[in-house]
Amino acid sequence: MLIARRHLASLISLALDLPNVTCDVNAPGEISQEAWKLIFKRFGELPVNYYSNCFDPLQESAAELSLGDLADDLADIWRDMKGGLNLFDAGDANAAAFAWCEAFNIHWGRHATSASYVLQCWVQAKEFGGAEPPARTGRTGH
């Protein structure tokens, strides 16, 4: 949990520092659902899985809660990062930066900030008392 918290903070910071580039469409290669499921299952071993979430806190009627899933958050972040890494490894750093920035702004940024908050709450509860961290539930994938 502490490592995940540290890595997420670094990833968010790095994403905010990505250069504002444009590029011709050079989509990252598709990451297979099987590869994603393996990562999801691994992250499902963390001591927290599901958490309360508000999808859009900018809405005045934000009282509607949804169920977040830490393993899903982290696996989706991995998939988006892996796609950019594939482009980078293929020698297209500009396309990689564009893919990472775009994916951060439209997808994994929400996952990262939600997951970061959950991890912070878990550390707080674990280290400083208060509400007990939620019990871990079993994982079957989705």
N, C-alpha and C. Protein backbone atom coordinates (compact mmCIF):
# COMPACT_ATOMS: atom_id res chain seq x y z
N MET A 1 0.83 -1.19 0.00
CA MET A 1 0.00 0.00 0.00
C MET A 1 0.88 1.25 0.00
N LEU A 2 1.94 1.23 0.79
CA LEU A 2 2.83 2.38 0.84
C LEU A 2 3.57 2.57 -0.48
N ILE A 3 3.97 1.47 -1.08
CA ILE A 3 4.66 1.55 -2.38
C ILE A 3 3.71 2.06 -3.45
N ALA A 4 2.49 1.56 -3.46
CA ALA A 4 1.50 2.01 -4.43
C ALA A 4 1.24 3.50 -4.26
N ARG A 5 1.14 3.95 -3.03
CA ARG A 5 0.90 5.38 -2.78
C ARG A 5 2.04 6.22 -3.32
N ARG A 6 3.27 5.79 -3.06
CA ARG A 6 4.44 6.53 -3.53
C ARG A 6 4.50 6.55 -5.07
N HIS A 7 4.27 5.40 -5.69
CA HIS A 7 4.32 5.34 -7.16
C HIS A 7 3.22 6.18 -7.80
N LEU A 8 2.03 6.15 -7.22
CA LEU A 8 0.95 6.96 -7.78
C LEU A 8 1.27 8.44 -7.70
N ALA A 9 1.81 8.87 -6.57
CA ALA A 9 2.18 10.28 -6.43
C ALA A 9 3.21 10.67 -7.49
N SER A 10 4.17 9.80 -7.72
CA SER A 10 5.20 10.07 -8.74
C SER A 10 4.59 10.11 -10.14
N LEU A 11 3.72 9.13 -10.45
CA LEU A 11 3.10 9.10 -11.77
C LEU A 11 2.26 10.34 -12.04
N ILE A 12 1.50 10.76 -11.05
CA ILE A 12 0.68 11.97 -11.23
C ILE A 12 1.58 13.17 -11.48
N SER A 13 2.63 13.30 -10.70
CA SER A 13 3.57 14.41 -10.87
C SER A 13 4.21 14.37 -12.25
N LEU A 14 4.66 13.21 -12.67
CA LEU A 14 5.28 13.08 -13.99
C LEU A 14 4.29 13.39 -15.11
N ALA A 15 3.05 12.96 -14.96
CA ALA A 15 2.04 13.24 -15.97
C ALA A 15 1.80 14.73 -16.12
N LEU A 16 1.80 15.43 -15.00
CA LEU A 16 1.59 16.88 -15.04
C LEU A 16 2.75 17.61 -15.69
N ASP A 17 3.93 16.98 -15.71
CA ASP A 17 5.12 17.59 -16.32
C ASP A 17 5.37 17.14 -17.75
N LEU A 18 4.48 16.30 -18.30
CA LEU A 18 4.67 15.86 -19.68
C LEU A 18 4.62 17.06 -20.62
N PRO A 19 5.44 17.03 -21.67
CA PRO A 19 5.39 18.13 -22.63
C PRO A 19 4.07 18.12 -23.39
N ASN A 20 3.62 19.30 -23.74
CA ASN A 20 2.39 19.44 -24.52
C ASN A 20 2.77 19.25 -25.99
N VAL A 21 2.62 18.03 -26.46
CA VAL A 21 3.01 17.71 -27.83
C VAL A 21 1.79 17.31 -28.63
N THR A 22 1.92 17.41 -29.91
CA THR A 22 0.91 16.88 -30.83
C THR A 22 1.61 15.85 -31.70
N CYS A 23 0.86 14.98 -32.22
CA CYS A 23 1.46 13.99 -33.13
C CYS A 23 0.37 13.44 -34.03
N ASP A 24 0.84 12.88 -35.12
CA ASP A 24 -0.09 12.16 -35.99
C ASP A 24 -0.60 10.97 -35.19
N VAL A 25 -1.74 10.51 -35.53
CA VAL A 25 -2.32 9.41 -34.80
C VAL A 25 -1.39 8.20 -34.88
N ASN A 26 -0.89 7.82 -33.75
CA ASN A 26 -0.05 6.63 -33.63
C ASN A 26 -0.48 5.97 -32.34
N ALA A 27 -1.60 5.29 -32.42
CA ALA A 27 -2.22 4.71 -31.23
C ALA A 27 -1.32 3.63 -30.63
N PRO A 28 -1.28 3.59 -29.30
CA PRO A 28 -0.52 2.52 -28.68
C PRO A 28 -1.14 1.17 -29.01
N GLY A 29 -0.32 0.15 -29.05
CA GLY A 29 -0.82 -1.19 -29.33
C GLY A 29 -1.83 -1.61 -28.28
N GLU A 30 -2.76 -2.41 -28.70
CA GLU A 30 -3.80 -2.91 -27.81
C GLU A 30 -3.18 -3.81 -26.74
N ILE A 31 -3.57 -3.58 -25.50
CA ILE A 31 -3.15 -4.44 -24.39
C ILE A 31 -4.26 -5.47 -24.22
N SER A 32 -3.90 -6.73 -24.24
CA SER A 32 -4.91 -7.78 -24.21
C SER A 32 -5.68 -7.78 -22.89
N GLN A 33 -6.91 -8.22 -22.97
CA GLN A 33 -7.74 -8.36 -21.78
C GLN A 33 -7.13 -9.38 -20.82
N GLU A 34 -6.49 -10.40 -21.36
CA GLU A 34 -5.85 -11.41 -20.52
C GLU A 34 -4.71 -10.80 -19.71
N ALA A 35 -3.89 -9.96 -20.36
CA ALA A 35 -2.79 -9.29 -19.65
C ALA A 35 -3.35 -8.38 -18.56
N TRP A 36 -4.43 -7.64 -18.90
CA TRP A 36 -5.05 -6.75 -17.93
C TRP A 36 -5.58 -7.55 -16.73
N LYS A 37 -6.21 -8.68 -17.00
CA LYS A 37 -6.77 -9.50 -15.93
C LYS A 37 -5.69 -10.02 -14.98
N LEU A 38 -4.53 -10.37 -15.51
CA LEU A 38 -3.43 -10.81 -14.65
C LEU A 38 -2.99 -9.69 -13.70
N ILE A 39 -2.89 -8.49 -14.22
CA ILE A 39 -2.50 -7.34 -13.39
C ILE A 39 -3.60 -7.03 -12.39
N PHE A 40 -4.85 -7.06 -12.83
CA PHE A 40 -6.00 -6.82 -11.96
C PHE A 40 -5.98 -7.81 -10.79
N LYS A 41 -5.74 -9.07 -11.10
CA LYS A 41 -5.70 -10.09 -10.05
C LYS A 41 -4.58 -9.82 -9.05
N ARG A 42 -3.43 -9.41 -9.55
CA ARG A 42 -2.30 -9.08 -8.66
C ARG A 42 -2.65 -7.93 -7.73
N PHE A 43 -3.23 -6.87 -8.30
CA PHE A 43 -3.61 -5.73 -7.47
C PHE A 43 -4.76 -6.08 -6.53
N GLY A 44 -5.54 -7.08 -6.89
CA GLY A 44 -6.62 -7.53 -6.03
C GLY A 44 -6.15 -8.13 -4.72
N GLU A 45 -4.86 -8.41 -4.60
CA GLU A 45 -4.29 -8.94 -3.37
C GLU A 45 -4.01 -7.86 -2.33
N LEU A 46 -4.14 -6.60 -2.71
CA LEU A 46 -3.94 -5.52 -1.74
C LEU A 46 -5.00 -5.59 -0.65
N PRO A 47 -4.73 -5.02 0.52
CA PRO A 47 -5.69 -5.15 1.63
C PRO A 47 -6.99 -4.37 1.46
N VAL A 48 -7.11 -3.56 0.45
CA VAL A 48 -8.36 -2.82 0.18
C VAL A 48 -8.75 -3.10 -1.26
N ASN A 49 -10.01 -3.37 -1.48
CA ASN A 49 -10.51 -3.53 -2.83
C ASN A 49 -11.52 -2.44 -3.14
N TYR A 50 -12.74 -2.57 -2.62
CA TYR A 50 -13.81 -1.65 -2.95
C TYR A 50 -13.83 -0.47 -1.99
N TYR A 51 -14.26 0.67 -2.52
CA TYR A 51 -14.34 1.88 -1.71
C TYR A 51 -15.46 2.78 -2.23
N SER A 52 -15.94 3.65 -1.36
CA SER A 52 -16.97 4.63 -1.75
C SER A 52 -16.32 5.71 -2.59
N ASN A 53 -17.04 6.14 -3.60
CA ASN A 53 -16.50 7.12 -4.53
C ASN A 53 -17.62 8.03 -5.02
N CYS A 54 -17.27 9.25 -5.28
CA CYS A 54 -18.19 10.19 -5.89
C CYS A 54 -17.65 10.45 -7.30
N PHE A 55 -18.39 10.07 -8.32
CA PHE A 55 -17.86 10.13 -9.68
C PHE A 55 -17.50 11.55 -10.10
N ASP A 56 -18.35 12.51 -9.83
CA ASP A 56 -18.06 13.88 -10.24
C ASP A 56 -18.31 14.84 -9.08
N PRO A 57 -17.25 15.17 -8.32
CA PRO A 57 -17.42 16.05 -7.17
C PRO A 57 -17.75 17.49 -7.55
N LEU A 58 -17.68 17.84 -8.82
CA LEU A 58 -18.02 19.19 -9.24
C LEU A 58 -19.51 19.40 -9.39
N GLN A 59 -20.27 18.32 -9.37
CA GLN A 59 -21.72 18.42 -9.42
C GLN A 59 -22.24 18.77 -8.03
N GLU A 60 -23.14 19.72 -7.97
CA GLU A 60 -23.67 20.13 -6.66
C GLU A 60 -24.41 18.99 -5.98
N SER A 61 -25.00 18.11 -6.75
CA SER A 61 -25.71 16.98 -6.16
C SER A 61 -24.78 15.77 -6.11
N ALA A 62 -23.57 15.99 -5.63
CA ALA A 62 -22.55 14.94 -5.62
C ALA A 62 -22.78 13.90 -4.54
N ALA A 63 -23.94 13.95 -3.90
CA ALA A 63 -24.21 12.99 -2.83
C ALA A 63 -24.34 11.57 -3.36
N GLU A 64 -24.53 11.42 -4.65
CA GLU A 64 -24.66 10.09 -5.22
C GLU A 64 -23.29 9.40 -5.24
N LEU A 65 -23.18 8.37 -4.43
CA LEU A 65 -21.92 7.64 -4.35
C LEU A 65 -21.93 6.46 -5.30
N SER A 66 -20.75 6.11 -5.73
CA SER A 66 -20.58 4.91 -6.53
C SER A 66 -19.55 4.03 -5.84
N LEU A 67 -19.38 2.85 -6.35
CA LEU A 67 -18.43 1.92 -5.79
C LEU A 67 -17.17 1.94 -6.64
N GLY A 68 -16.04 2.29 -6.02
CA GLY A 68 -14.76 2.25 -6.70
C GLY A 68 -14.08 0.93 -6.41
N ASP A 69 -13.09 0.60 -7.22
CA ASP A 69 -12.36 -0.65 -7.08
C ASP A 69 -10.88 -0.35 -7.26
N LEU A 70 -10.10 -0.46 -6.20
CA LEU A 70 -8.69 -0.12 -6.23
C LEU A 70 -7.93 -0.96 -7.25
N ALA A 71 -8.21 -2.25 -7.33
CA ALA A 71 -7.53 -3.11 -8.30
C ALA A 71 -7.84 -2.67 -9.73
N ASP A 72 -9.09 -2.31 -9.98
CA ASP A 72 -9.48 -1.81 -11.30
C ASP A 72 -8.76 -0.51 -11.62
N ASP A 73 -8.70 0.40 -10.64
CA ASP A 73 -7.98 1.67 -10.83
C ASP A 73 -6.54 1.42 -11.25
N LEU A 74 -5.85 0.61 -10.47
CA LEU A 74 -4.43 0.37 -10.71
C LEU A 74 -4.19 -0.40 -12.00
N ALA A 75 -5.05 -1.35 -12.32
CA ALA A 75 -4.90 -2.11 -13.57
C ALA A 75 -5.15 -1.21 -14.78
N ASP A 76 -6.12 -0.31 -14.69
CA ASP A 76 -6.37 0.62 -15.80
C ASP A 76 -5.20 1.58 -15.98
N ILE A 77 -4.64 2.05 -14.89
CA ILE A 77 -3.46 2.91 -14.98
C ILE A 77 -2.32 2.15 -15.66
N TRP A 78 -2.11 0.91 -15.24
CA TRP A 78 -1.06 0.09 -15.84
C TRP A 78 -1.28 -0.04 -17.34
N ARG A 79 -2.52 -0.32 -17.75
CA ARG A 79 -2.81 -0.51 -19.18
C ARG A 79 -2.49 0.77 -19.97
N ASP A 80 -2.90 1.91 -19.46
CA ASP A 80 -2.64 3.17 -20.16
C ASP A 80 -1.14 3.49 -20.20
N MET A 81 -0.45 3.21 -19.11
CA MET A 81 0.99 3.46 -19.09
C MET A 81 1.71 2.48 -20.03
N LYS A 82 1.29 1.24 -20.04
CA LYS A 82 1.92 0.22 -20.88
C LYS A 82 1.77 0.56 -22.36
N GLY A 83 0.63 1.08 -22.74
CA GLY A 83 0.44 1.48 -24.14
C GLY A 83 1.46 2.52 -24.57
N GLY A 84 1.68 3.53 -23.74
CA GLY A 84 2.69 4.54 -24.04
C GLY A 84 4.10 3.96 -24.04
N LEU A 85 4.35 3.04 -23.11
CA LEU A 85 5.67 2.39 -23.07
C LEU A 85 5.93 1.61 -24.35
N ASN A 86 4.91 0.98 -24.90
CA ASN A 86 5.07 0.26 -26.17
C ASN A 86 5.51 1.21 -27.27
N LEU A 87 4.90 2.39 -27.33
CA LEU A 87 5.29 3.40 -28.32
C LEU A 87 6.72 3.88 -28.08
N PHE A 88 7.04 4.13 -26.82
CA PHE A 88 8.38 4.59 -26.47
C PHE A 88 9.42 3.53 -26.85
N ASP A 89 9.15 2.28 -26.52
CA ASP A 89 10.07 1.19 -26.85
C ASP A 89 10.24 1.03 -28.36
N ALA A 90 9.22 1.40 -29.12
CA ALA A 90 9.30 1.32 -30.58
C ALA A 90 10.04 2.53 -31.16
N GLY A 91 10.51 3.43 -30.29
CA GLY A 91 11.30 4.57 -30.75
C GLY A 91 10.51 5.84 -31.02
N ASP A 92 9.24 5.87 -30.65
CA ASP A 92 8.42 7.05 -30.91
C ASP A 92 8.09 7.77 -29.60
N ALA A 93 9.09 8.50 -29.09
CA ALA A 93 8.93 9.20 -27.80
C ALA A 93 7.84 10.25 -27.86
N ASN A 94 7.71 10.93 -29.01
CA ASN A 94 6.69 11.97 -29.15
C ASN A 94 5.29 11.36 -29.04
N ALA A 95 5.07 10.24 -29.73
CA ALA A 95 3.76 9.56 -29.67
C ALA A 95 3.51 9.03 -28.26
N ALA A 96 4.56 8.55 -27.60
CA ALA A 96 4.41 8.05 -26.22
C ALA A 96 3.97 9.17 -25.30
N ALA A 97 4.64 10.32 -25.38
CA ALA A 97 4.28 11.47 -24.53
C ALA A 97 2.85 11.91 -24.80
N PHE A 98 2.47 11.95 -26.07
CA PHE A 98 1.11 12.33 -26.44
C PHE A 98 0.10 11.34 -25.87
N ALA A 99 0.39 10.04 -26.03
CA ALA A 99 -0.53 9.00 -25.53
C ALA A 99 -0.67 9.07 -24.02
N TRP A 100 0.44 9.24 -23.31
CA TRP A 100 0.39 9.31 -21.85
C TRP A 100 -0.41 10.54 -21.39
N CYS A 101 -0.13 11.68 -22.02
CA CYS A 101 -0.82 12.92 -21.62
C CYS A 101 -2.32 12.82 -21.90
N GLU A 102 -2.67 12.36 -23.09
CA GLU A 102 -4.07 12.23 -23.44
C GLU A 102 -4.78 11.23 -22.53
N ALA A 103 -4.16 10.08 -22.29
CA ALA A 103 -4.78 9.07 -21.43
C ALA A 103 -4.92 9.58 -20.00
N PHE A 104 -3.94 10.33 -19.53
CA PHE A 104 -4.03 10.91 -18.18
C PHE A 104 -5.23 11.85 -18.09
N ASN A 105 -5.36 12.72 -19.08
CA ASN A 105 -6.42 13.73 -19.04
C ASN A 105 -7.81 13.16 -19.23
N ILE A 106 -7.94 12.07 -19.98
CA ILE A 106 -9.29 11.56 -20.24
C ILE A 106 -9.62 10.27 -19.50
N HIS A 107 -8.61 9.61 -18.88
CA HIS A 107 -8.93 8.33 -18.26
C HIS A 107 -8.20 8.09 -16.94
N TRP A 108 -6.91 7.82 -17.00
CA TRP A 108 -6.25 7.31 -15.80
C TRP A 108 -6.00 8.37 -14.75
N GLY A 109 -6.13 9.64 -15.06
CA GLY A 109 -5.98 10.69 -14.05
C GLY A 109 -7.01 10.56 -12.94
N ARG A 110 -8.25 10.26 -13.32
CA ARG A 110 -9.30 10.04 -12.30
C ARG A 110 -9.03 8.78 -11.49
N HIS A 111 -8.62 7.74 -12.18
CA HIS A 111 -8.28 6.50 -11.46
C HIS A 111 -7.14 6.76 -10.46
N ALA A 112 -6.13 7.49 -10.90
CA ALA A 112 -4.96 7.73 -10.05
C ALA A 112 -5.30 8.58 -8.84
N THR A 113 -6.08 9.63 -9.04
CA THR A 113 -6.40 10.50 -7.91
C THR A 113 -7.36 9.82 -6.94
N SER A 114 -8.29 9.03 -7.46
CA SER A 114 -9.19 8.28 -6.58
C SER A 114 -8.40 7.25 -5.78
N ALA A 115 -7.55 6.50 -6.46
CA ALA A 115 -6.75 5.47 -5.79
C ALA A 115 -5.80 6.10 -4.77
N SER A 116 -5.24 7.22 -5.11
CA SER A 116 -4.32 7.91 -4.20
C SER A 116 -5.04 8.30 -2.90
N TYR A 117 -6.26 8.78 -3.03
CA TYR A 117 -7.03 9.16 -1.86
C TYR A 117 -7.35 7.94 -0.99
N VAL A 118 -7.72 6.84 -1.64
CA VAL A 118 -8.01 5.61 -0.90
C VAL A 118 -6.76 5.14 -0.15
N LEU A 119 -5.63 5.16 -0.82
CA LEU A 119 -4.38 4.73 -0.19
C LEU A 119 -4.03 5.62 0.99
N GLN A 120 -4.24 6.92 0.83
CA GLN A 120 -3.97 7.86 1.92
C GLN A 120 -4.89 7.57 3.11
N CYS A 121 -6.15 7.33 2.86
CA CYS A 121 -7.09 7.03 3.94
C CYS A 121 -6.70 5.74 4.65
N TRP A 122 -6.25 4.74 3.89
CA TRP A 122 -5.84 3.47 4.47
C TRP A 122 -4.63 3.68 5.38
N VAL A 123 -3.64 4.43 4.90
CA VAL A 123 -2.44 4.69 5.71
C VAL A 123 -2.82 5.44 6.97
N GLN A 124 -3.67 6.43 6.85
CA GLN A 124 -4.10 7.20 8.01
C GLN A 124 -4.78 6.31 9.04
N ALA A 125 -5.69 5.47 8.58
CA ALA A 125 -6.41 4.59 9.51
C ALA A 125 -5.45 3.59 10.14
N LYS A 126 -4.55 3.07 9.35
CA LYS A 126 -3.61 2.06 9.84
C LYS A 126 -2.60 2.65 10.81
N GLU A 127 -2.06 3.81 10.48
CA GLU A 127 -0.98 4.40 11.27
C GLU A 127 -1.48 5.26 12.43
N PHE A 128 -2.62 5.90 12.27
CA PHE A 128 -3.05 6.88 13.26
C PHE A 128 -4.39 6.59 13.89
N GLY A 129 -4.89 5.39 13.68
CA GLY A 129 -6.16 5.03 14.30
C GLY A 129 -7.34 5.55 13.52
N GLY A 130 -8.43 5.56 14.16
CA GLY A 130 -9.65 5.98 13.48
C GLY A 130 -10.37 4.75 12.97
N ALA A 131 -11.12 4.95 11.92
CA ALA A 131 -11.89 3.84 11.36
C ALA A 131 -10.94 2.76 10.88
N GLU A 132 -11.34 1.54 11.12
CA GLU A 132 -10.54 0.41 10.64
C GLU A 132 -10.58 0.38 9.12
N PRO A 133 -9.46 0.06 8.48
CA PRO A 133 -9.51 -0.11 7.04
C PRO A 133 -10.50 -1.22 6.69
N PRO A 134 -11.21 -1.08 5.58
CA PRO A 134 -12.19 -2.10 5.23
C PRO A 134 -11.52 -3.45 5.02
N ALA A 135 -12.26 -4.49 5.34
CA ALA A 135 -11.74 -5.85 5.16
C ALA A 135 -11.56 -6.11 3.65
N ARG A 136 -10.55 -6.88 3.35
CA ARG A 136 -10.28 -7.23 1.96
C ARG A 136 -11.30 -8.28 1.52
N THR A 137 -11.74 -8.16 0.29
CA THR A 137 -12.68 -9.14 -0.23
C THR A 137 -11.97 -10.02 -1.24
N GLY A 138 -12.56 -11.13 -1.56
CA GLY A 138 -11.97 -12.04 -2.53
C GLY A 138 -12.01 -11.45 -3.94
N ARG A 139 -11.16 -11.94 -4.79
CA ARG A 139 -11.05 -11.45 -6.17
C ARG A 139 -11.30 -12.58 -7.14
N THR A 140 -12.09 -12.28 -8.13
CA THR A 140 -12.29 -13.26 -9.20
C THR A 140 -12.00 -12.64 -10.55
N GLY A 141 -11.74 -11.34 -10.61
CA GLY A 141 -11.56 -10.66 -11.91
C GLY A 141 -12.90 -10.17 -12.41
N HIS A 142 -12.84 -9.40 -13.49
CA HIS A 142 -14.12 -8.93 -14.04
C HIS A 142 -14.05 -8.73 -15.51
